[in-house]
Amino acid sequence: VQLVESGGGRVQRGGSLTLSCSVSGSLFYV
C-alpha cells in the first residue's frame, strides 16, 4: 500500500483548502 498526498500550500486566514491522498495497492481489511 502506498499513500501520496497533494494539495498543500499557503492560504489566507479564513480560506479553504482541500487535500487529496492517492491510494495504490490493497489490503485484505481496512
All heavy atoms as atom14 arrays in JSON, in Angstrom:
{
  "sequence": "VQLVESGGGRVQRGGSLTLSCSVSGSLFYV",
  "atom14_mask": [
    [1, 1, 1, 1, 1, 1, 1, 0, 0, 0, 0, 0, 0, 0],
    [1, 1, 1, 1, 1, 1, 1, 1, 1, 0, 0, 0, 0, 0],
    [1, 1, 1, 1, 1, 1, 1, 1, 0, 0, 0, 0, 0, 0],
    [1, 1, 1, 1, 1, 1, 1, 0, 0, 0, 0, 0, 0, 0],
    [1, 1, 1, 1, 1, 1, 1, 1, 1, 0, 0, 0, 0, 0],
    [1, 1, 1, 1, 1, 1, 0, 0, 0, 0, 0, 0, 0, 0],
    [1, 1, 1, 1, 0, 0, 0, 0, 0, 0, 0, 0, 0, 0],
    [1, 1, 1, 1, 0, 0, 0, 0, 0, 0, 0, 0, 0, 0],
    [1, 1, 1, 1, 0, 0, 0, 0, 0, 0, 0, 0, 0, 0],
    [1, 1, 1, 1, 1, 1, 1, 1, 1, 1, 1, 0, 0, 0],
    [1, 1, 1, 1, 1, 1, 1, 0, 0, 0, 0, 0, 0, 0],
    [1, 1, 1, 1, 1, 1, 1, 1, 1, 0, 0, 0, 0, 0],
    [1, 1, 1, 1, 1, 1, 1, 1, 1, 1, 1, 0, 0, 0],
    [1, 1, 1, 1, 0, 0, 0, 0, 0, 0, 0, 0, 0, 0],
    [1, 1, 1, 1, 0, 0, 0, 0, 0, 0, 0, 0, 0, 0],
    [1, 1, 1, 1, 1, 1, 0, 0, 0, 0, 0, 0, 0, 0],
    [1, 1, 1, 1, 1, 1, 1, 1, 0, 0, 0, 0, 0, 0],
    [1, 1, 1, 1, 1, 1, 1, 0, 0, 0, 0, 0, 0, 0],
    [1, 1, 1, 1, 1, 1, 1, 1, 0, 0, 0, 0, 0, 0],
    [1, 1, 1, 1, 1, 1, 0, 0, 0, 0, 0, 0, 0, 0],
    [1, 1, 1, 1, 1, 1, 0, 0, 0, 0, 0, 0, 0, 0],
    [1, 1, 1, 1, 1, 1, 0, 0, 0, 0, 0, 0, 0, 0],
    [1, 1, 1, 1, 1, 1, 1, 0, 0, 0, 0, 0, 0, 0],
    [1, 1, 1, 1, 1, 1, 0, 0, 0, 0, 0, 0, 0, 0],
    [1, 1, 1, 1, 0, 0, 0, 0, 0, 0, 0, 0, 0, 0],
    [1, 1, 1, 1, 1, 1, 0, 0, 0, 0, 0, 0, 0, 0],
    [1, 1, 1, 1, 1, 1, 1, 1, 0, 0, 0, 0, 0, 0],
    [1, 1, 1, 1, 1, 1, 1, 1, 1, 1, 1, 0, 0, 0],
    [1, 1, 1, 1, 1, 1, 1, 1, 1, 1, 1, 1, 0, 0],
    [1, 1, 1, 1, 1, 1, 1, 0, 0, 0, 0, 0, 0, 0]
  ],
  "atom14_positions": [
    [[0.84, -1.19, 0.0], [0.0, 0.0, 0.0], [0.88, 1.24, 0.0], [1.82, 1.35, 0.79], [-0.94, 0.03, 1.22], [-1.68, 1.36, 1.31], [-1.93, -1.13, 1.14], [0.0, 0.0, 0.0], [0.0, 0.0, 0.0], [0.0, 0.0, 0.0], [0.0, 0.0, 0.0], [0.0, 0.0, 0.0], [0.0, 0.0, 0.0], [0.0, 0.0, 0.0]],
    [[0.55, 2.19, -0.88], [1.26, 3.46, -0.95], [0.25, 4.6, -0.86], [-0.81, 4.55, -1.49], [2.05, 3.58, -2.25], [3.07, 2.48, -2.49], [4.27, 2.59, -1.59], [4.62, 3.69, -1.13], [4.9, 1.46, -1.32], [0.0, 0.0, 0.0], [0.0, 0.0, 0.0], [0.0, 0.0, 0.0], [0.0, 0.0, 0.0], [0.0, 0.0, 0.0]],
    [[0.59, 5.63, -0.08], [-0.25, 6.81, 0.09], [0.55, 8.04, -0.33], [1.66, 8.25, 0.15], [-0.69, 6.97, 1.54], [-1.38, 5.76, 2.19], [-1.68, 6.05, 3.66], [-2.67, 5.42, 1.45], [0.0, 0.0, 0.0], [0.0, 0.0, 0.0], [0.0, 0.0, 0.0], [0.0, 0.0, 0.0], [0.0, 0.0, 0.0], [0.0, 0.0, 0.0]],
    [[-0.02, 8.86, -1.21], [0.66, 10.05, -1.71], [-0.28, 11.24, -1.59], [-1.33, 11.27, -2.23], [1.12, 9.88, -3.16], [1.82, 11.15, -3.64], [2.04, 8.68, -3.3], [0.0, 0.0, 0.0], [0.0, 0.0, 0.0], [0.0, 0.0, 0.0], [0.0, 0.0, 0.0], [0.0, 0.0, 0.0], [0.0, 0.0, 0.0], [0.0, 0.0, 0.0]],
    [[0.12, 12.24, -0.79], [-0.7, 13.43, -0.58], [-0.41, 14.5, -1.63], [0.7, 14.57, -2.17], [-0.46, 14.04, 0.81], [-0.74, 13.1, 1.97], [0.51, 12.48, 2.51], [1.49, 12.3, 1.73], [0.55, 12.15, 3.71], [0.0, 0.0, 0.0], [0.0, 0.0, 0.0], [0.0, 0.0, 0.0], [0.0, 0.0, 0.0], [0.0, 0.0, 0.0]],
    [[-1.39, 15.36, -1.84], [-1.23, 16.52, -2.69], [-2.23, 17.59, -2.27], [-3.19, 17.3, -1.55], [-1.43, 16.17, -4.17], [-2.75, 15.72, -4.41], [0.0, 0.0, 0.0], [0.0, 0.0, 0.0], [0.0, 0.0, 0.0], [0.0, 0.0, 0.0], [0.0, 0.0, 0.0], [0.0, 0.0, 0.0], [0.0, 0.0, 0.0], [0.0, 0.0, 0.0]],
    [[-2.0, 18.82, -2.7], [-2.94, 19.89, -2.44], [-2.53, 20.86, -1.34], [-3.25, 21.83, -1.08], [0.0, 0.0, 0.0], [0.0, 0.0, 0.0], [0.0, 0.0, 0.0], [0.0, 0.0, 0.0], [0.0, 0.0, 0.0], [0.0, 0.0, 0.0], [0.0, 0.0, 0.0], [0.0, 0.0, 0.0], [0.0, 0.0, 0.0], [0.0, 0.0, 0.0]],
    [[-1.41, 20.62, -0.7], [-0.95, 21.52, 0.33], [-0.47, 22.84, -0.24], [-0.23, 22.97, -1.44], [0.0, 0.0, 0.0], [0.0, 0.0, 0.0], [0.0, 0.0, 0.0], [0.0, 0.0, 0.0], [0.0, 0.0, 0.0], [0.0, 0.0, 0.0], [0.0, 0.0, 0.0], [0.0, 0.0, 0.0], [0.0, 0.0, 0.0], [0.0, 0.0, 0.0]],
    [[-0.32, 23.83, 0.63], [0.15, 25.13, 0.2], [-0.13, 26.19, 1.23], [-0.42, 25.9, 2.39], [0.0, 0.0, 0.0], [0.0, 0.0, 0.0], [0.0, 0.0, 0.0], [0.0, 0.0, 0.0], [0.0, 0.0, 0.0], [0.0, 0.0, 0.0], [0.0, 0.0, 0.0], [0.0, 0.0, 0.0], [0.0, 0.0, 0.0], [0.0, 0.0, 0.0]],
    [[-0.05, 27.43, 0.8], [-0.29, 28.57, 1.67], [-1.65, 29.18, 1.37], [-2.01, 29.38, 0.2], [0.81, 29.62, 1.49], [0.67, 30.84, 2.39], [1.82, 31.81, 2.19], [3.08, 31.25, 2.66], [3.54, 31.4, 3.9], [2.83, 32.08, 4.8], [4.69, 30.85, 4.24], [0.0, 0.0, 0.0], [0.0, 0.0, 0.0], [0.0, 0.0, 0.0]],
    [[-2.4, 29.5, 2.43], [-3.72, 30.07, 2.28], [-3.95, 31.14, 3.33], [-3.37, 31.09, 4.42], [-4.81, 28.97, 2.37], [-4.84, 28.35, 3.76], [-6.18, 29.52, 2.0], [0.0, 0.0, 0.0], [0.0, 0.0, 0.0], [0.0, 0.0, 0.0], [0.0, 0.0, 0.0], [0.0, 0.0, 0.0], [0.0, 0.0, 0.0], [0.0, 0.0, 0.0]],
    [[-4.76, 32.12, 3.02], [-5.07, 33.2, 3.94], [-6.02, 32.73, 5.03], [-6.84, 31.83, 4.83], [-5.69, 34.36, 3.17], [-5.91, 35.62, 3.98], [-6.51, 36.74, 3.14], [-6.72, 36.59, 1.94], [-6.78, 37.87, 3.77], [0.0, 0.0, 0.0], [0.0, 0.0, 0.0], [0.0, 0.0, 0.0], [0.0, 0.0, 0.0], [0.0, 0.0, 0.0]],
    [[-5.9, 33.33, 6.2], [-6.82, 33.05, 7.29], [-8.27, 33.16, 6.81], [-8.62, 34.11, 6.1], [-6.59, 34.01, 8.45], [-7.55, 33.86, 9.62], [-7.38, 34.99, 10.63], [-7.56, 36.29, 10.02], [-8.74, 36.84, 9.78], [-9.86, 36.2, 10.12], [-8.8, 38.03, 9.21], [0.0, 0.0, 0.0], [0.0, 0.0, 0.0], [0.0, 0.0, 0.0]],
    [[-9.09, 32.19, 7.19], [-10.48, 32.17, 6.79], [-10.74, 31.49, 5.46], [-11.91, 31.29, 5.09], [0.0, 0.0, 0.0], [0.0, 0.0, 0.0], [0.0, 0.0, 0.0], [0.0, 0.0, 0.0], [0.0, 0.0, 0.0], [0.0, 0.0, 0.0], [0.0, 0.0, 0.0], [0.0, 0.0, 0.0], [0.0, 0.0, 0.0], [0.0, 0.0, 0.0]],
    [[-9.69, 31.12, 4.76], [-9.83, 30.47, 3.48], [-10.1, 28.99, 3.58], [-10.21, 28.42, 4.67], [0.0, 0.0, 0.0], [0.0, 0.0, 0.0], [0.0, 0.0, 0.0], [0.0, 0.0, 0.0], [0.0, 0.0, 0.0], [0.0, 0.0, 0.0], [0.0, 0.0, 0.0], [0.0, 0.0, 0.0], [0.0, 0.0, 0.0], [0.0, 0.0, 0.0]],
    [[-10.19, 28.34, 2.43], [-10.47, 26.92, 2.35], [-9.41, 26.21, 1.51], [-8.79, 26.81, 0.63], [-11.85, 26.67, 1.73], [-12.88, 27.26, 2.5], [0.0, 0.0, 0.0], [0.0, 0.0, 0.0], [0.0, 0.0, 0.0], [0.0, 0.0, 0.0], [0.0, 0.0, 0.0], [0.0, 0.0, 0.0], [0.0, 0.0, 0.0], [0.0, 0.0, 0.0]],
    [[-9.24, 24.93, 1.79], [-8.26, 24.13, 1.07], [-8.67, 22.67, 1.15], [-9.18, 22.22, 2.19], [-6.87, 24.32, 1.67], [-5.66, 23.86, 0.87], [-5.52, 24.68, -0.41], [-4.4, 23.97, 1.71], [0.0, 0.0, 0.0], [0.0, 0.0, 0.0], [0.0, 0.0, 0.0], [0.0, 0.0, 0.0], [0.0, 0.0, 0.0], [0.0, 0.0, 0.0]],
    [[-8.45, 21.93, 0.08], [-8.74, 20.5, 0.06], [-7.46, 19.73, -0.22], [-6.77, 19.99, -1.21], [-9.8, 20.15, -1.0], [-11.05, 20.75, -0.65], [-10.0, 18.64, -1.06], [0.0, 0.0, 0.0], [0.0, 0.0, 0.0], [0.0, 0.0, 0.0], [0.0, 0.0, 0.0], [0.0, 0.0, 0.0], [0.0, 0.0, 0.0], [0.0, 0.0, 0.0]],
    [[-7.15, 18.78, 0.64], [-6.02, 17.89, 0.45], [-6.51, 16.57, -0.11], [-7.58, 16.09, 0.26], [-5.28, 17.65, 1.77], [-4.83, 18.88, 2.55], [-4.1, 18.45, 3.82], [-3.94, 19.76, 1.69], [0.0, 0.0, 0.0], [0.0, 0.0, 0.0], [0.0, 0.0, 0.0], [0.0, 0.0, 0.0], [0.0, 0.0, 0.0], [0.0, 0.0, 0.0]],
    [[-5.71, 15.97, -0.98], [-6.06, 14.69, -1.57], [-4.96, 13.67, -1.31], [-3.79, 14.01, -1.28], [-6.29, 14.83, -3.07], [-7.4, 15.66, -3.34], [0.0, 0.0, 0.0], [0.0, 0.0, 0.0], [0.0, 0.0, 0.0], [0.0, 0.0, 0.0], [0.0, 0.0, 0.0], [0.0, 0.0, 0.0], [0.0, 0.0, 0.0], [0.0, 0.0, 0.0]],
    [[-5.37, 12.43, -1.15], [-4.45, 11.33, -0.93], [-4.77, 10.23, -1.93], [-5.89, 9.7, -1.93], [-4.57, 10.82, 0.5], [-3.61, 9.33, 0.86], [0.0, 0.0, 0.0], [0.0, 0.0, 0.0], [0.0, 0.0, 0.0], [0.0, 0.0, 0.0], [0.0, 0.0, 0.0], [0.0, 0.0, 0.0], [0.0, 0.0, 0.0], [0.0, 0.0, 0.0]],
    [[-3.8, 9.91, -2.76], [-3.96, 8.85, -3.74], [-3.5, 7.53, -3.14], [-2.39, 7.43, -2.61], [-3.16, 9.17, -5.0], [-3.24, 8.12, -5.94], [0.0, 0.0, 0.0], [0.0, 0.0, 0.0], [0.0, 0.0, 0.0], [0.0, 0.0, 0.0], [0.0, 0.0, 0.0], [0.0, 0.0, 0.0], [0.0, 0.0, 0.0], [0.0, 0.0, 0.0]],
    [[-4.35, 6.52, -3.22], [-4.06, 5.22, -2.63], [-3.78, 4.21, -3.73], [-4.57, 4.04, -4.65], [-5.24, 4.72, -1.77], [-4.91, 3.37, -1.16], [-5.58, 5.74, -0.7], [0.0, 0.0, 0.0], [0.0, 0.0, 0.0], [0.0, 0.0, 0.0], [0.0, 0.0, 0.0], [0.0, 0.0, 0.0], [0.0, 0.0, 0.0], [0.0, 0.0, 0.0]],
    [[-2.66, 3.52, -3.61], [-2.34, 2.42, -4.51], [-2.13, 1.15, -3.69], [-1.75, 1.21, -2.53], [-1.11, 2.73, -5.36], [0.04, 2.91, -4.54], [0.0, 0.0, 0.0], [0.0, 0.0, 0.0], [0.0, 0.0, 0.0], [0.0, 0.0, 0.0], [0.0, 0.0, 0.0], [0.0, 0.0, 0.0], [0.0, 0.0, 0.0], [0.0, 0.0, 0.0]],
    [[-2.35, 0.02, -4.31], [-2.28, -1.24, -3.6], [-3.58, -1.51, -2.87], [-4.52, -0.72, -2.91], [0.0, 0.0, 0.0], [0.0, 0.0, 0.0], [0.0, 0.0, 0.0], [0.0, 0.0, 0.0], [0.0, 0.0, 0.0], [0.0, 0.0, 0.0], [0.0, 0.0, 0.0], [0.0, 0.0, 0.0], [0.0, 0.0, 0.0], [0.0, 0.0, 0.0]],
    [[-3.64, -2.63, -2.17], [-4.87, -3.0, -1.49], [-4.56, -3.77, -0.21], [-3.47, -4.32, -0.04], [-5.76, -3.84, -2.41], [-5.12, -5.05, -2.79], [0.0, 0.0, 0.0], [0.0, 0.0, 0.0], [0.0, 0.0, 0.0], [0.0, 0.0, 0.0], [0.0, 0.0, 0.0], [0.0, 0.0, 0.0], [0.0, 0.0, 0.0], [0.0, 0.0, 0.0]],
    [[-5.56, -3.81, 0.66], [-5.49, -4.53, 1.91], [-6.63, -5.52, 2.0], [-7.69, -5.33, 1.39], [-5.56, -3.57, 3.1], [-4.4, -2.58, 3.26], [-4.76, -1.51, 4.28], [-3.14, -3.31, 3.7], [0.0, 0.0, 0.0], [0.0, 0.0, 0.0], [0.0, 0.0, 0.0], [0.0, 0.0, 0.0], [0.0, 0.0, 0.0], [0.0, 0.0, 0.0]],
    [[-6.43, -6.57, 2.77], [-7.49, -7.53, 3.0], [-8.64, -6.89, 3.76], [-9.81, -7.14, 3.47], [-6.95, -8.75, 3.76], [-8.0, -9.75, 4.12], [-8.54, -10.59, 3.17], [-8.46, -9.85, 5.42], [-9.51, -11.52, 3.5], [-9.43, -10.77, 5.77], [-9.96, -11.61, 4.8], [0.0, 0.0, 0.0], [0.0, 0.0, 0.0], [0.0, 0.0, 0.0]],
    [[-8.31, -6.05, 4.71], [-9.3, -5.36, 5.52], [-8.8, -3.98, 5.89], [-7.66, -3.83, 6.33], [-9.6, -6.17, 6.79], [-10.48, -5.47, 7.78], [-11.84, -5.33, 7.55], [-9.95, -4.92, 8.95], [-12.66, -4.67, 8.45], [-10.76, -4.26, 9.85], [-12.11, -4.14, 9.6], [-12.91, -3.5, 10.51], [0.0, 0.0, 0.0], [0.0, 0.0, 0.0]],
    [[-9.64, -2.96, 5.73], [-9.32, -1.59, 6.1], [-10.11, -1.22, 7.35], [-11.34, -1.33, 7.38], [-9.63, -0.61, 4.96], [-9.39, 0.83, 5.42], [-8.8, -0.93, 3.74], [0.0, 0.0, 0.0], [0.0, 0.0, 0.0], [0.0, 0.0, 0.0], [0.0, 0.0, 0.0], [0.0, 0.0, 0.0], [0.0, 0.0, 0.0], [0.0, 0.0, 0.0]]
  ]
}
